[in-house]
Structures are given as structure tokens and as C-alpha cells.
Amino acid sequence: METAIIDYGMGNLLSVQRAFEKCGSEAAIVDNPLELRNAERIILPGVGAFPDAMNNLKNGCWIEELNRAVLQKETPILGICLGMQLLAAKGYEGQECLGLGYIPGEVVLLDAKEEGERIPHVGWNEIEGIADTELLAGIPSGTNFYFVHSYHFRVKNQEDILCHTPYCGSFVSAVGRGHIVGTQFHPEKSQKAGFRVIKNFLRM
């Protein structure tokens, strides 16, 4: 299996699958954790609340297989939106909750800094401060992507930040630590630029 899209009850699975297929990947939606053992790449999508997502991953027996694939086999993983936030050590959406802990940091509520900034942050916004990273290769600063979120990943280490977005002061909009990457934006909904990010991930 080339790309496994995890079905743990909290993601826009079909739109993600269609986007990956359009970018040339065999992409399968998987609901059995053991299927991750045969995957060349893993997608962790997500829409909803951090604690609910972690409970679903735990109750569905995903965490052990994710750790085996990502930490032991170093299978590339892309977290999308809530899926990116779950890569963090901890989240504070409604309650304190442990995350997967793949990238140090915590997930906290966006804080509006200027008049007109609304939460949830919904719509198109640019990314800036792009790191020299394979995931964002060929994406110029100022490129717009599509966002839908109320919380953001406050990353502990600067080297894990791939770019940020100038909204609510500034928030991290992509993270990366080797083969572990995530985007706060939805590449599958971000048209040409989003497809470029997907194609970049498929080359990792």
C-alpha cells in the first residue's frame, strides 16, 4: 500500500483520498491499525476536538501501530489540520490531554490580536517564513492556503517550524521533524498550491 489514510472517525477522508489520487498516489482509507504495517506513507487527517481525537486513536488501538510505523520504521507521516495538532505532546482543547508526542509543543486556543480577527479562523491565508524543507519546496512566501481551526500548535523548538501564518499575531502553519510533518492548512482544499505540497510529501 502506497498511502494509508487513517479512518479513526474524525476526518474528511474522501476529499483527502481524491487529492492524493489526483497527485498520482495509490491511496487507501484504512480502519484497521494493522494495515499501517504495509503502508509506505501515512496520512493522519482530523476535524473536531483534540481530546475526542486522542480517545478515538486510543480506543481504536491506533497509537501502538502508529508508534511502530513512525518511530521504529520511520514511515513518513503527514498530519492535516487536527491531525497536525495531534503530533504535539499535549493539547488544551476543553481539557488537558496528552498527544502523540512526536514533535515537542502544545496546542492552545488562538488569541485574536486585531480588530476583525475571528475565531474559528476560516478561509484563505498566506504562509510566511518558509524553511528550507522538502515538504514546502517550490512554494513561495505569501502563497495562500485554506484553513479551518480554532486552536494552534505552539511548537517548542524553532527547528521544527516550517512556516507560520500572520493571523492572531502569528501561528505555526506547518511543522516538520525529519519524516514527521504536518500542516495546519488543508492541502486537499488548497487547489494548485495544496497539490504541490501533497506531491512534495509523496517524494519524501
C-alpha atoms as a PDB file:
ATOM      1  CA  MET A   1       0.000   0.000   0.000  1.00  0.00           C
ATOM      2  CA  GLU A   2       1.469   3.337  -1.027  1.00  0.00           C
ATOM      3  CA  THR A   3      -0.517   5.780   1.133  1.00  0.00           C
ATOM      4  CA  ALA A   4      -2.705   4.868   4.120  1.00  0.00           C
ATOM      5  CA  ILE A   5      -5.288   7.424   5.251  1.00  0.00           C
ATOM      6  CA  ILE A   6      -6.294   6.679   8.836  1.00  0.00           C
ATOM      7  CA  ASP A   7     -10.029   6.385   9.478  1.00  0.00           C
ATOM      8  CA  TYR A   8     -10.435   6.946  13.205  1.00  0.00           C
ATOM      9  CA  GLY A   9     -13.787   8.703  12.914  1.00  0.00           C
ATOM     10  CA  MET A  10     -12.567  12.302  12.665  1.00  0.00           C
ATOM     11  CA  GLY A  11     -11.559  13.347   9.158  1.00  0.00           C
ATOM     12  CA  ASN A  12     -12.610  14.424   5.674  1.00  0.00           C
ATOM     13  CA  LEU A  13     -11.384  11.140   4.300  1.00  0.00           C
ATOM     14  CA  LEU A  14     -12.799  11.084   0.786  1.00  0.00           C
ATOM     15  CA  SER A  15     -11.554  14.568  -0.132  1.00  0.00           C
ATOM     16  CA  VAL A  16      -8.084  13.651   1.117  1.00  0.00           C
ATOM     17  CA  GLN A  17      -8.145  10.362  -0.784  1.00  0.00           C
ATOM     18  CA  ARG A  18      -9.230  12.061  -4.025  1.00  0.00           C
ATOM     19  CA  ALA A  19      -6.494  14.673  -3.686  1.00  0.00           C
ATOM     20  CA  PHE A  20      -3.773  12.063  -3.217  1.00  0.00           C
ATOM     21  CA  GLU A  21      -5.066  10.019  -6.128  1.00  0.00           C
ATOM     22  CA  LYS A  22      -5.037  13.111  -8.358  1.00  0.00           C
ATOM     23  CA  CYS A  23      -1.425  13.619  -7.324  1.00  0.00           C
ATOM     24  CA  GLY A  24      -0.548  10.127  -8.528  1.00  0.00           C
ATOM     25  CA  SER A  25      -0.637   8.062  -5.355  1.00  0.00           C
ATOM     26  CA  GLU A  26      -2.462   4.852  -4.615  1.00  0.00           C
ATOM     27  CA  ALA A  27      -4.345   5.976  -1.502  1.00  0.00           C
ATOM     28  CA  ALA A  28      -6.464   3.735   0.705  1.00  0.00           C
ATOM     29  CA  ILE A  29      -8.680   4.653   3.640  1.00  0.00           C
ATOM     30  CA  VAL A  30      -7.830   2.181   6.399  1.00  0.00           C
ATOM     31  CA  ASP A  31      -9.845   1.348   9.510  1.00  0.00           C
ATOM     32  CA  ASN A  32      -7.594  -1.426  10.847  1.00  0.00           C
ATOM     33  CA  PRO A  33      -4.387  -0.318  12.617  1.00  0.00           C
ATOM     34  CA  LEU A  34      -2.526  -3.399  11.391  1.00  0.00           C
ATOM     35  CA  GLU A  35      -2.789  -2.067   7.833  1.00  0.00           C
ATOM     36  CA  LEU A  36      -0.228   0.603   8.738  1.00  0.00           C
ATOM     37  CA  ARG A  37       2.439  -2.112   8.666  1.00  0.00           C
ATOM     38  CA  ASN A  38       2.144  -2.282   4.868  1.00  0.00           C
ATOM     39  CA  ALA A  39       1.981   1.467   4.225  1.00  0.00           C
ATOM     40  CA  GLU A  40       4.767   3.436   2.577  1.00  0.00           C
ATOM     41  CA  ARG A  41       3.259   6.686   3.862  1.00  0.00           C
ATOM     42  CA  ILE A  42       0.632   7.591   6.437  1.00  0.00           C
ATOM     43  CA  ILE A  43      -1.910  10.425   6.481  1.00  0.00           C
ATOM     44  CA  LEU A  44      -3.460  11.478   9.788  1.00  0.00           C
ATOM     45  CA  PRO A  45      -6.389  13.779   8.941  1.00  0.00           C
ATOM     46  CA  GLY A  46      -8.628  15.350  11.526  1.00  0.00           C
ATOM     47  CA  VAL A  47     -11.686  17.524  12.106  1.00  0.00           C
ATOM     48  CA  GLY A  48     -13.019  18.058  15.632  1.00  0.00           C
ATOM     49  CA  ALA A  49     -11.678  18.293  19.164  1.00  0.00           C
ATOM     50  CA  PHE A  50      -8.218  17.195  20.341  1.00  0.00           C
ATOM     51  CA  PRO A  51      -9.372  15.044  23.317  1.00  0.00           C
ATOM     52  CA  ASP A  52     -12.002  13.258  21.220  1.00  0.00           C
ATOM     53  CA  ALA A  53      -9.414  12.503  18.554  1.00  0.00           C
ATOM     54  CA  MET A  54      -6.910  11.095  21.037  1.00  0.00           C
ATOM     55  CA  ASN A  55      -9.632   8.988  22.654  1.00  0.00           C
ATOM     56  CA  ASN A  56     -10.581   7.593  19.252  1.00  0.00           C
ATOM     57  CA  LEU A  57      -6.953   6.771  18.448  1.00  0.00           C
ATOM     58  CA  LYS A  58      -6.521   5.095  21.827  1.00  0.00           C
ATOM     59  CA  ASN A  59      -9.807   3.163  21.756  1.00  0.00           C
ATOM     60  CA  GLY A  60      -9.189   2.083  18.172  1.00  0.00           C
ATOM     61  CA  CYS A  61      -5.725   0.696  19.109  1.00  0.00           C
ATOM     62  CA  TRP A  62      -4.026   3.047  16.644  1.00  0.00           C
ATOM     63  CA  ILE A  63      -1.334   4.501  18.895  1.00  0.00           C
ATOM     64  CA  GLU A  64       0.791   1.357  19.236  1.00  0.00           C
ATOM     65  CA  GLU A  65       0.791   0.778  15.479  1.00  0.00           C
ATOM     66  CA  LEU A  66       1.467   4.454  14.772  1.00  0.00           C
ATOM     67  CA  ASN A  67       4.444   4.367  17.119  1.00  0.00           C
ATOM     68  CA  ARG A  68       5.708   1.197  15.459  1.00  0.00           C
ATOM     69  CA  ALA A  69       5.396   2.679  11.967  1.00  0.00           C
ATOM     70  CA  VAL A  70       6.527   6.238  12.666  1.00  0.00           C
ATOM     71  CA  LEU A  71       9.095   5.860  15.440  1.00  0.00           C
ATOM     72  CA  GLN A  72      10.554   2.417  14.662  1.00  0.00           C
ATOM     73  CA  LYS A  73      10.186   2.026  10.876  1.00  0.00           C
ATOM     74  CA  GLU A  74      10.355   5.795  10.213  1.00  0.00           C
ATOM     75  CA  THR A  75       7.412   5.670   7.833  1.00  0.00           C
ATOM     76  CA  PRO A  76       6.692   9.234   6.612  1.00  0.00           C
ATOM     77  CA  ILE A  77       3.550  10.695   8.190  1.00  0.00           C
ATOM     78  CA  LEU A  78       1.579  13.826   7.292  1.00  0.00           C
ATOM     79  CA  GLY A  79      -0.830  15.275   9.847  1.00  0.00           C
ATOM     80  CA  ILE A  80      -3.510  17.553   8.398  1.00  0.00           C
ATOM     81  CA  CYS A  81      -5.281  20.237  10.492  1.00  0.00           C
ATOM     82  CA  LEU A  82      -6.258  18.480  13.751  1.00  0.00           C
ATOM     83  CA  GLY A  83      -4.000  15.665  12.583  1.00  0.00           C
ATOM     84  CA  MET A  84      -1.042  18.057  12.746  1.00  0.00           C
ATOM     85  CA  GLN A  85      -2.039  19.155  16.240  1.00  0.00           C
ATOM     86  CA  LEU A  86      -2.137  15.545  17.428  1.00  0.00           C
ATOM     87  CA  LEU A  87       1.592  15.303  16.706  1.00  0.00           C
ATOM     88  CA  ALA A  88       2.133  17.585  19.717  1.00  0.00           C
ATOM     89  CA  ALA A  89       2.967  16.458  23.236  1.00  0.00           C
ATOM     90  CA  LYS A  90      -0.151  17.974  24.769  1.00  0.00           C
ATOM     91  CA  GLY A  91      -3.371  19.827  23.926  1.00  0.00           C
ATOM     92  CA  TYR A  92      -5.673  22.112  25.904  1.00  0.00           C
ATOM     93  CA  GLU A  93      -8.955  21.962  23.992  1.00  0.00           C
ATOM     94  CA  GLY A  94     -11.580  21.765  26.725  1.00  0.00           C
ATOM     95  CA  GLN A  95      -9.193  19.842  28.980  1.00  0.00           C
ATOM     96  CA  GLU A  96      -5.533  18.967  29.242  1.00  0.00           C
ATOM     97  CA  CYS A  97      -4.844  15.933  27.079  1.00  0.00           C
ATOM     98  CA  LEU A  98      -1.696  14.104  26.016  1.00  0.00           C
ATOM     99  CA  GLY A  99      -0.994  13.961  22.278  1.00  0.00           C
ATOM    100  CA  LEU A 100       1.171  11.583  20.269  1.00  0.00           C
ATOM    101  CA  GLY A 101       4.306  13.449  21.345  1.00  0.00           C
ATOM    102  CA  TYR A 102       6.174  13.218  18.050  1.00  0.00           C
ATOM    103  CA  ILE A 103       7.015  16.937  17.959  1.00  0.00           C
ATOM    104  CA  PRO A 104       7.520  18.864  21.243  1.00  0.00           C
ATOM    105  CA  GLY A 105       4.946  21.566  21.899  1.00  0.00           C
ATOM    106  CA  GLU A 106       1.347  22.136  22.918  1.00  0.00           C
ATOM    107  CA  VAL A 107      -1.942  23.001  21.261  1.00  0.00           C
ATOM    108  CA  VAL A 108      -3.712  26.108  22.571  1.00  0.00           C
ATOM    109  CA  LEU A 109      -6.599  28.385  21.594  1.00  0.00           C
ATOM    110  CA  LEU A 110      -5.977  31.111  19.022  1.00  0.00           C
ATOM    111  CA  ASP A 111      -5.972  34.598  20.530  1.00  0.00           C
ATOM    112  CA  ALA A 112      -7.299  37.455  18.384  1.00  0.00           C
ATOM    113  CA  LYS A 113      -4.872  40.377  18.349  1.00  0.00           C
ATOM    114  CA  GLU A 114      -6.505  42.774  15.890  1.00  0.00           C
ATOM    115  CA  GLU A 115      -9.996  44.001  15.135  1.00  0.00           C
ATOM    116  CA  GLY A 116     -11.648  41.784  12.573  1.00  0.00           C
ATOM    117  CA  GLU A 117      -9.770  38.629  13.524  1.00  0.00           C
ATOM    118  CA  ARG A 118     -12.346  35.930  14.098  1.00  0.00           C
ATOM    119  CA  ILE A 119     -12.104  32.540  15.747  1.00  0.00           C
ATOM    120  CA  PRO A 120     -12.542  29.965  14.279  1.00  0.00           C
ATOM    121  CA  HIS A 121     -10.081  31.044  11.621  1.00  0.00           C
ATOM    122  CA  VAL A 122     -11.831  30.006   8.414  1.00  0.00           C
ATOM    123  CA  GLY A 123     -10.731  30.746   4.861  1.00  0.00           C
ATOM    124  CA  TRP A 124      -7.668  31.557   2.818  1.00  0.00           C
ATOM    125  CA  ASN A 125      -4.496  32.934   4.349  1.00  0.00           C
ATOM    126  CA  GLU A 126      -0.842  33.084   3.414  1.00  0.00           C
ATOM    127  CA  ILE A 127       2.184  31.289   4.775  1.00  0.00           C
ATOM    128  CA  GLU A 128       5.447  33.085   5.512  1.00  0.00           C
ATOM    129  CA  GLY A 129       8.919  32.388   6.866  1.00  0.00           C
ATOM    130  CA  ILE A 130       9.186  29.170   4.896  1.00  0.00           C
ATOM    131  CA  ALA A 131      12.020  26.894   5.998  1.00  0.00           C
ATOM    132  CA  ASP A 132      14.280  25.068   3.565  1.00  0.00           C
ATOM    133  CA  THR A 133      12.217  21.904   3.631  1.00  0.00           C
ATOM    134  CA  GLU A 134      11.198  19.236   1.142  1.00  0.00           C
ATOM    135  CA  LEU A 135       7.523  19.486   2.118  1.00  0.00           C
ATOM    136  CA  LEU A 136       7.268  23.125   1.009  1.00  0.00           C
ATOM    137  CA  ALA A 137       9.729  23.022  -1.890  1.00  0.00           C
ATOM    138  CA  GLY A 138       8.648  25.330  -4.697  1.00  0.00           C
ATOM    139  CA  ILE A 139       6.104  27.165  -2.515  1.00  0.00           C
ATOM    140  CA  PRO A 140       6.911  30.908  -2.361  1.00  0.00           C
ATOM    141  CA  SER A 141       6.302  33.011   0.722  1.00  0.00           C
ATOM    142  CA  GLY A 142       2.881  34.648   0.534  1.00  0.00           C
ATOM    143  CA  THR A 143       1.171  31.619  -1.019  1.00  0.00           C
ATOM    144  CA  ASN A 144      -2.405  31.182   0.221  1.00  0.00           C
ATOM    145  CA  PHE A 145      -3.822  28.004   1.706  1.00  0.00           C
ATOM    146  CA  TYR A 146      -7.210  27.090   3.155  1.00  0.00           C
ATOM    147  CA  PHE A 147      -7.654  26.970   6.948  1.00  0.00           C
ATOM    148  CA  VAL A 148     -10.430  25.902   9.340  1.00  0.00           C
ATOM    149  CA  HIS A 149      -9.368  25.881  13.011  1.00  0.00           C
ATOM    150  CA  SER A 150      -9.688  27.479  16.450  1.00  0.00           C
ATOM    151  CA  TYR A 151      -6.530  26.063  18.049  1.00  0.00           C
ATOM    152  CA  HIS A 152      -2.896  26.209  17.016  1.00  0.00           C
ATOM    153  CA  PHE A 153       0.310  24.284  17.658  1.00  0.00           C
ATOM    154  CA  ARG A 154       2.708  26.245  19.878  1.00  0.00           C
ATOM    155  CA  VAL A 155       5.926  24.480  18.872  1.00  0.00           C
ATOM    156  CA  LYS A 156       8.723  24.227  21.435  1.00  0.00           C
ATOM    157  CA  ASN A 157      11.740  24.089  19.106  1.00  0.00           C
ATOM    158  CA  GLN A 158      12.294  26.612  16.330  1.00  0.00           C
ATOM    159  CA  GLU A 159      13.865  23.974  14.091  1.00  0.00           C
ATOM    160  CA  ASP A 160      10.547  22.094  13.971  1.00  0.00           C
ATOM    161  CA  ILE A 161       8.703  25.103  12.487  1.00  0.00           C
ATOM    162  CA  LEU A 162       8.362  25.008   8.689  1.00  0.00           C
ATOM    163  CA  CYS A 163       6.303  28.180   8.246  1.00  0.00           C
ATOM    164  CA  HIS A 164       3.866  30.472  10.006  1.00  0.00           C
ATOM    165  CA  THR A 165       0.761  32.485   9.136  1.00  0.00           C
ATOM    166  CA  PRO A 166       0.184  36.151  10.100  1.00  0.00           C
ATOM    167  CA  TYR A 167      -3.138  35.814  11.910  1.00  0.00           C
ATOM    168  CA  CYS A 168      -3.880  36.202  15.632  1.00  0.00           C
ATOM    169  CA  GLY A 169      -0.362  37.587  15.983  1.00  0.00           C
ATOM    170  CA  SER A 170       1.234  34.657  14.206  1.00  0.00           C
ATOM    171  CA  PHE A 171       0.721  30.918  14.380  1.00  0.00           C
ATOM    172  CA  VAL A 172       2.700  27.930  13.130  1.00  0.00           C
ATOM    173  CA  SER A 173       1.075  26.616   9.961  1.00  0.00           C
ATOM    174  CA  ALA A 174       3.391  23.685   9.192  1.00  0.00           C
ATOM    175  CA  VAL A 175       5.744  21.561  11.277  1.00  0.00           C
ATOM    176  CA  GLY A 176       8.394  19.014  10.485  1.00  0.00           C
ATOM    177  CA  ARG A 177      10.919  16.768  12.149  1.00  0.00           C
ATOM    178  CA  GLY A 178      12.504  14.526   9.545  1.00  0.00           C
ATOM    179  CA  HIS A 179       9.881  12.137   8.184  1.00  0.00           C
ATOM    180  CA  ILE A 180       7.204  13.544  10.552  1.00  0.00           C
ATOM    181  CA  VAL A 181       5.384  16.551   9.063  1.00  0.00           C
ATOM    182  CA  GLY A 182       2.102  18.365   9.445  1.00  0.00           C
ATOM    183  CA  THR A 183       0.109  21.246   8.021  1.00  0.00           C
ATOM    184  CA  GLN A 184      -2.477  23.317   9.859  1.00  0.00           C
ATOM    185  CA  PHE A 185      -3.988  24.169   6.490  1.00  0.00           C
ATOM    186  CA  HIS A 186      -5.859  21.691   4.311  1.00  0.00           C
ATOM    187  CA  PRO A 187      -3.708  20.858   1.262  1.00  0.00           C
ATOM    188  CA  GLU A 188      -6.558  18.842  -0.235  1.00  0.00           C
ATOM    189  CA  LYS A 189      -8.694  22.023  -0.283  1.00  0.00           C
ATOM    190  CA  SER A 190      -5.938  24.422  -1.328  1.00  0.00           C
ATOM    191  CA  GLN A 191      -6.002  23.876  -5.082  1.00  0.00           C
ATOM    192  CA  LYS A 192      -2.717  24.050  -7.008  1.00  0.00           C
ATOM    193  CA  ALA A 193      -0.515  25.012  -4.054  1.00  0.00           C
ATOM    194  CA  GLY A 194      -2.027  22.288  -1.894  1.00  0.00           C
ATOM    195  CA  PHE A 195      -1.427  19.677  -4.560  1.00  0.00           C
ATOM    196  CA  ARG A 196       2.195  20.802  -4.742  1.00  0.00           C
ATOM    197  CA  VAL A 197       2.535  20.113  -1.013  1.00  0.00           C
ATOM    198  CA  ILE A 198       0.972  16.657  -1.456  1.00  0.00           C
ATOM    199  CA  LYS A 199       3.322  15.837  -4.331  1.00  0.00           C
ATOM    200  CA  ASN A 200       6.274  17.006  -2.221  1.00  0.00           C
ATOM    201  CA  PHE A 201       5.196  14.708   0.598  1.00  0.00           C
ATOM    202  CA  LEU A 202       4.908  11.794  -1.805  1.00  0.00           C
ATOM    203  CA  ARG A 203       8.569  12.298  -2.704  1.00  0.00           C
ATOM    204  CA  MET A 204       9.729  12.166   0.913  1.00  0.00           C
END
